[in-house]
Amino acid sequence: MMDDLNGKRAALARLVGQANRIVVFSGAGISTECGIPDFRSPGGVWSRFKPLDFKTFMSSPEARREGLSRFLKIRDEIGPVEPGRGHAAAARWHRAGKLAGVITQNIDGLHQRAGVPASRTVELHGNGTYAHCLECGRRHELDWIAEQLEAHSGAPACVECAGIVKTATISFGQSMPADAMHRAGEMTGNCDLFLAVGSSLVVEPAASFPALAAQLGVPLVIINGEPTPADRLAELVIHDDIGDVLEAV
């Protein structure tokens, strides 16, 4: 592997230039410059507003109310955010016809905000910008959730079927979405360049996709601030600021 950072950036530019079906696999690191903290860091948001696991959330209306309240506190603390340079790079490759799709561990919806179509975005851990009914799937906006929590006791119910309403995220203990996992596997199998960006690559089963790309012989590039367990599998590893690297490609 090349030690020279400029050489690595040039190598990345060549790989992107040669590719026609790029998959961007993104983790929390692509969004930190947007003002979204790495929740798992000591002193982070989760240390103060720890999310409820799925079993606890489903156990009672009181637990659901608490779970929704904690999520809204996290949203209010983070505040409005805009896509960063990494999101812009993926959208730029989409406009150039080079992006097969985005597989993301993030729940912030910033890839879509930047211009990557939802049809080309696989959200492995769901989406935290809205809520939905676990029974009928009806979408409910977070502002509506906040209004219901303020006006009523207990937890809000679906306006369509009176089912349980939960943020559209995958909670601890909740099954991974089969459709998203299938789509991610198909994207990985059909790409000609796999870029793992801003992920520690330790959370399974999401971390299996970069390993699958390497196993299939697809060039794997890892761009992250810190080393990852998958670095040894990659054709190119860049430990540097993600926005700086991708903006320059």
Protein backbone atom coordinates (compact mmCIF):
# COMPACT_ATOMS: atom_id res chain seq x y z
CA MET A 1 0.00 0.00 0.00
CA MET A 2 1.09 3.51 -0.73
CA ASP A 3 2.15 5.63 2.22
CA ASP A 4 2.03 8.93 0.38
CA LEU A 5 -1.32 10.65 0.90
CA ASN A 6 -1.19 12.50 -2.42
CA GLY A 7 -0.39 9.24 -4.16
CA LYS A 8 -3.37 7.58 -2.50
CA ARG A 9 -5.67 10.40 -3.54
CA ALA A 10 -4.42 10.12 -7.12
CA ALA A 11 -5.01 6.35 -7.02
CA LEU A 12 -8.55 6.93 -5.78
CA ALA A 13 -9.20 9.40 -8.59
CA ARG A 14 -8.01 6.81 -11.13
CA LEU A 15 -10.25 4.10 -9.67
CA VAL A 16 -13.28 6.40 -9.70
CA GLY A 17 -12.48 7.50 -13.24
CA GLN A 18 -12.32 3.91 -14.48
CA ALA A 19 -15.47 2.75 -12.66
CA ASN A 20 -19.00 2.76 -14.04
CA ARG A 21 -20.92 1.11 -11.18
CA ILE A 22 -19.69 2.65 -7.92
CA VAL A 23 -21.22 1.65 -4.60
CA VAL A 24 -20.73 4.05 -1.70
CA PHE A 25 -21.08 2.36 1.69
CA SER A 26 -21.33 5.11 4.29
CA GLY A 27 -21.16 5.26 8.08
CA ALA A 28 -21.33 7.96 10.72
CA GLY A 29 -18.04 9.54 9.66
CA ILE A 30 -19.50 10.94 6.45
CA SER A 31 -21.99 13.03 8.45
CA THR A 32 -19.91 14.32 11.36
CA GLU A 33 -18.87 17.44 9.42
CA CYS A 34 -22.59 18.18 9.03
CA GLY A 35 -22.94 18.50 12.80
CA ILE A 36 -24.26 14.99 13.50
CA PRO A 37 -22.14 13.46 16.28
CA ASP A 38 -20.83 9.94 16.39
CA PHE A 39 -23.43 8.75 18.88
CA ARG A 40 -21.25 5.95 20.26
CA SER A 41 -18.43 8.24 21.39
CA PRO A 42 -18.00 8.80 25.16
CA GLY A 43 -20.05 11.78 26.21
CA GLY A 44 -22.10 11.57 23.02
CA VAL A 45 -25.84 11.96 22.69
CA TRP A 46 -26.54 8.31 23.39
CA SER A 47 -24.87 8.55 26.81
CA ARG A 48 -27.63 11.00 27.83
CA PHE A 49 -30.59 9.88 25.70
CA LYS A 50 -29.97 6.16 25.29
CA PRO A 51 -32.46 4.69 22.81
CA LEU A 52 -34.78 1.97 24.05
CA ASP A 53 -34.34 -1.49 22.59
CA PHE A 54 -37.20 -2.82 20.49
CA LYS A 55 -38.59 -5.22 23.09
CA THR A 56 -38.76 -2.47 25.71
CA PHE A 57 -40.32 -0.02 23.24
CA MET A 58 -43.07 -2.50 22.39
CA SER A 59 -43.76 -3.44 26.02
CA SER A 60 -46.16 -0.61 26.93
CA PRO A 61 -47.57 2.77 25.84
CA GLU A 62 -45.47 4.40 28.56
CA ALA A 63 -42.29 2.87 27.14
CA ARG A 64 -43.23 3.96 23.62
CA ARG A 65 -43.86 7.48 24.84
CA GLU A 66 -40.43 7.52 26.53
CA GLY A 67 -38.71 6.12 23.45
CA LEU A 68 -40.27 8.71 21.14
CA SER A 69 -39.49 11.51 23.61
CA ARG A 70 -35.82 10.53 23.75
CA PHE A 71 -35.60 10.46 19.97
CA LEU A 72 -37.11 13.93 19.69
CA LYS A 73 -34.64 15.24 22.29
CA ILE A 74 -31.79 13.93 20.13
CA ARG A 75 -33.33 15.57 17.06
CA ASP A 76 -33.74 18.89 18.85
CA GLU A 77 -30.18 18.82 20.20
CA ILE A 78 -28.64 18.15 16.78
CA GLY A 79 -30.80 20.77 15.07
CA PRO A 80 -31.04 21.42 11.32
CA VAL A 81 -28.31 19.82 9.22
CA GLU A 82 -27.28 19.96 5.57
CA PRO A 83 -25.45 17.39 3.42
CA GLY A 84 -21.66 17.45 3.54
CA ARG A 85 -18.92 17.09 0.96
CA GLY A 86 -19.04 13.30 1.05
CA HIS A 87 -22.75 13.28 0.30
CA ALA A 88 -22.15 15.80 -2.49
CA ALA A 89 -19.52 13.53 -4.04
CA ALA A 90 -21.90 10.57 -4.19
CA ALA A 91 -24.58 12.80 -5.75
CA ARG A 92 -22.03 14.07 -8.28
CA TRP A 93 -21.20 10.50 -9.34
CA HIS A 94 -24.92 9.81 -9.67
CA ARG A 95 -25.36 12.76 -12.02
CA ALA A 96 -22.38 11.53 -14.04
CA GLY A 97 -24.00 8.10 -14.42
CA LYS A 98 -21.28 6.35 -12.42
CA LEU A 99 -23.14 5.51 -9.18
CA ALA A 100 -24.77 2.10 -8.81
CA GLY A 101 -26.10 3.13 -5.43
CA VAL A 102 -25.50 4.04 -1.81
CA ILE A 103 -25.65 1.60 1.09
CA THR A 104 -25.75 3.55 4.33
CA GLN A 105 -25.72 2.75 8.02
CA ASN A 106 -26.90 6.29 8.73
CA ILE A 107 -30.47 7.34 9.49
CA ASP A 108 -30.12 11.03 8.61
CA GLY A 109 -31.44 10.99 5.02
CA LEU A 110 -28.60 13.26 3.87
CA HIS A 111 -27.70 11.20 0.80
CA GLN A 112 -31.19 11.79 -0.57
CA ARG A 113 -31.05 15.46 0.41
CA ALA A 114 -27.80 15.77 -1.57
CA GLY A 115 -29.39 14.36 -4.72
CA VAL A 116 -29.04 10.56 -4.64
CA PRO A 117 -32.51 9.15 -5.45
CA ALA A 118 -34.23 7.13 -2.76
CA SER A 119 -34.47 4.30 -5.29
CA ARG A 120 -30.66 4.11 -5.30
CA THR A 121 -30.25 4.44 -1.53
CA VAL A 122 -30.37 1.45 0.81
CA GLU A 123 -30.84 2.49 4.46
CA LEU A 124 -29.76 -0.56 6.45
CA HIS A 125 -30.73 0.98 9.78
CA GLY A 126 -33.81 2.83 8.57
CA ASN A 127 -34.54 6.55 8.48
CA GLY A 128 -34.80 8.88 11.46
CA THR A 129 -36.40 11.83 9.68
CA TYR A 130 -39.94 10.47 10.04
CA ALA A 131 -42.00 7.83 11.84
CA HIS A 132 -44.26 5.09 10.53
CA CYS A 133 -46.94 2.70 11.67
CA LEU A 134 -45.65 -0.80 12.40
CA GLU A 135 -49.01 -2.23 11.31
CA CYS A 136 -49.99 -0.51 8.04
CA GLY A 137 -46.81 1.44 7.22
CA ARG A 138 -48.50 4.87 7.18
CA ARG A 139 -45.92 7.67 7.40
CA HIS A 140 -46.16 10.13 10.31
CA GLU A 141 -44.04 13.26 10.59
CA LEU A 142 -41.90 13.88 13.67
CA ASP A 143 -43.50 17.30 14.27
CA TRP A 144 -46.86 15.53 14.50
CA ILE A 145 -45.35 13.09 17.02
CA ALA A 146 -44.13 16.04 19.12
CA GLU A 147 -47.57 17.65 19.03
CA GLN A 148 -49.24 14.42 20.12
CA LEU A 149 -46.82 13.90 23.00
CA GLU A 150 -47.47 17.42 24.23
CA ALA A 151 -51.25 17.23 23.90
CA HIS A 152 -51.93 13.71 25.17
CA SER A 153 -50.71 11.18 27.68
CA GLY A 154 -49.51 7.80 26.52
CA ALA A 155 -48.09 7.18 23.04
CA PRO A 156 -49.55 8.40 19.73
CA ALA A 157 -51.38 5.85 17.58
CA CYS A 158 -51.58 5.62 13.80
CA VAL A 159 -54.20 7.92 12.29
CA GLU A 160 -55.01 5.24 9.72
CA CYS A 161 -55.34 2.01 11.72
CA ALA A 162 -54.58 2.94 15.37
CA GLY A 163 -51.44 0.80 15.20
CA ILE A 164 -48.15 1.41 17.00
CA VAL A 165 -46.15 4.36 15.66
CA LYS A 166 -42.36 4.24 15.82
CA THR A 167 -39.54 6.16 14.23
CA ALA A 168 -38.63 4.53 10.91
CA THR A 169 -35.32 3.35 12.34
CA ILE A 170 -34.12 -0.14 13.18
CA SER A 171 -33.79 -0.37 16.95
CA PHE A 172 -31.53 -2.68 18.94
CA GLY A 173 -33.20 -6.08 18.98
CA GLN A 174 -35.32 -5.36 15.92
CA SER A 175 -34.87 -7.55 12.83
CA MET A 176 -32.86 -6.08 9.99
CA PRO A 177 -35.09 -5.24 7.01
CA ALA A 178 -34.92 -8.19 4.61
CA ASP A 179 -35.55 -6.06 1.53
CA ALA A 180 -32.74 -3.63 2.38
CA MET A 181 -30.31 -6.46 3.05
CA HIS A 182 -31.23 -8.12 -0.26
CA ARG A 183 -30.84 -4.89 -2.22
CA ALA A 184 -27.49 -4.18 -0.56
CA GLY A 185 -26.26 -7.63 -1.51
CA GLU A 186 -27.35 -7.14 -5.12
CA MET A 187 -25.67 -3.73 -5.32
CA THR A 188 -22.46 -5.16 -3.92
CA GLY A 189 -22.48 -8.07 -6.33
CA ASN A 190 -23.03 -5.87 -9.38
CA CYS A 191 -20.63 -2.99 -8.67
CA ASP A 192 -17.15 -2.44 -10.11
CA LEU A 193 -15.86 -0.24 -7.24
CA PHE A 194 -16.85 -0.37 -3.57
CA LEU A 195 -16.07 2.67 -1.43
CA ALA A 196 -16.46 2.21 2.33
CA VAL A 197 -16.61 5.74 3.72
CA GLY A 198 -16.69 6.83 7.36
CA SER A 199 -17.54 3.47 8.86
CA SER A 200 -15.75 1.62 11.63
CA LEU A 201 -16.80 -1.60 9.87
CA VAL A 202 -17.46 -3.38 13.15
CA VAL A 203 -21.29 -3.35 13.24
CA GLU A 204 -22.74 -6.53 11.77
CA PRO A 205 -24.39 -7.52 9.56
CA ALA A 206 -23.77 -4.23 7.75
CA ALA A 207 -19.98 -4.67 7.86
CA SER A 208 -20.29 -7.88 5.84
CA PHE A 209 -20.85 -5.99 2.58
CA PRO A 210 -17.32 -4.55 2.18
CA ALA A 211 -15.97 -8.03 2.95
CA LEU A 212 -18.32 -9.48 0.31
CA ALA A 213 -17.04 -6.98 -2.26
CA ALA A 214 -13.44 -8.00 -1.58
CA GLN A 215 -14.41 -11.68 -1.73
CA LEU A 216 -15.99 -11.13 -5.16
CA GLY A 217 -12.84 -9.43 -6.44
CA VAL A 218 -14.35 -5.94 -6.55
CA PRO A 219 -11.79 -3.20 -5.78
CA LEU A 220 -12.43 -2.15 -2.17
CA VAL A 221 -11.43 1.32 -1.01
CA ILE A 222 -11.71 2.31 2.66
CA ILE A 223 -11.73 5.99 3.58
CA ASN A 224 -11.91 6.59 7.31
CA GLY A 225 -10.28 8.62 10.03
CA GLU A 226 -9.19 5.52 11.94
CA PRO A 227 -8.07 1.98 10.99
CA THR A 228 -10.81 -0.64 10.53
CA PRO A 229 -10.80 -4.44 10.78
CA ALA A 230 -11.32 -4.61 7.00
CA ASP A 231 -8.27 -2.52 6.04
CA ARG A 232 -6.32 -5.68 5.25
CA LEU A 233 -8.91 -6.61 2.60
CA ALA A 234 -8.78 -3.28 0.77
CA GLU A 235 -6.94 -2.38 -2.39
CA LEU A 236 -6.60 1.17 -1.11
CA VAL A 237 -6.90 2.58 2.42
CA ILE A 238 -6.94 6.33 3.13
CA HIS A 239 -6.91 7.53 6.74
CA ASP A 240 -7.74 11.20 6.30
CA ASP A 241 -10.58 13.71 6.45
CA ILE A 242 -13.44 12.23 4.43
CA GLY A 243 -14.74 15.53 3.08
CA ASP A 244 -11.28 16.62 1.95
CA VAL A 245 -10.63 13.31 0.19
CA LEU A 246 -13.94 13.01 -1.64
CA GLU A 247 -14.22 16.68 -2.54
CA ALA A 248 -10.88 16.41 -4.37
CA VAL A 249 -11.89 13.43 -6.52
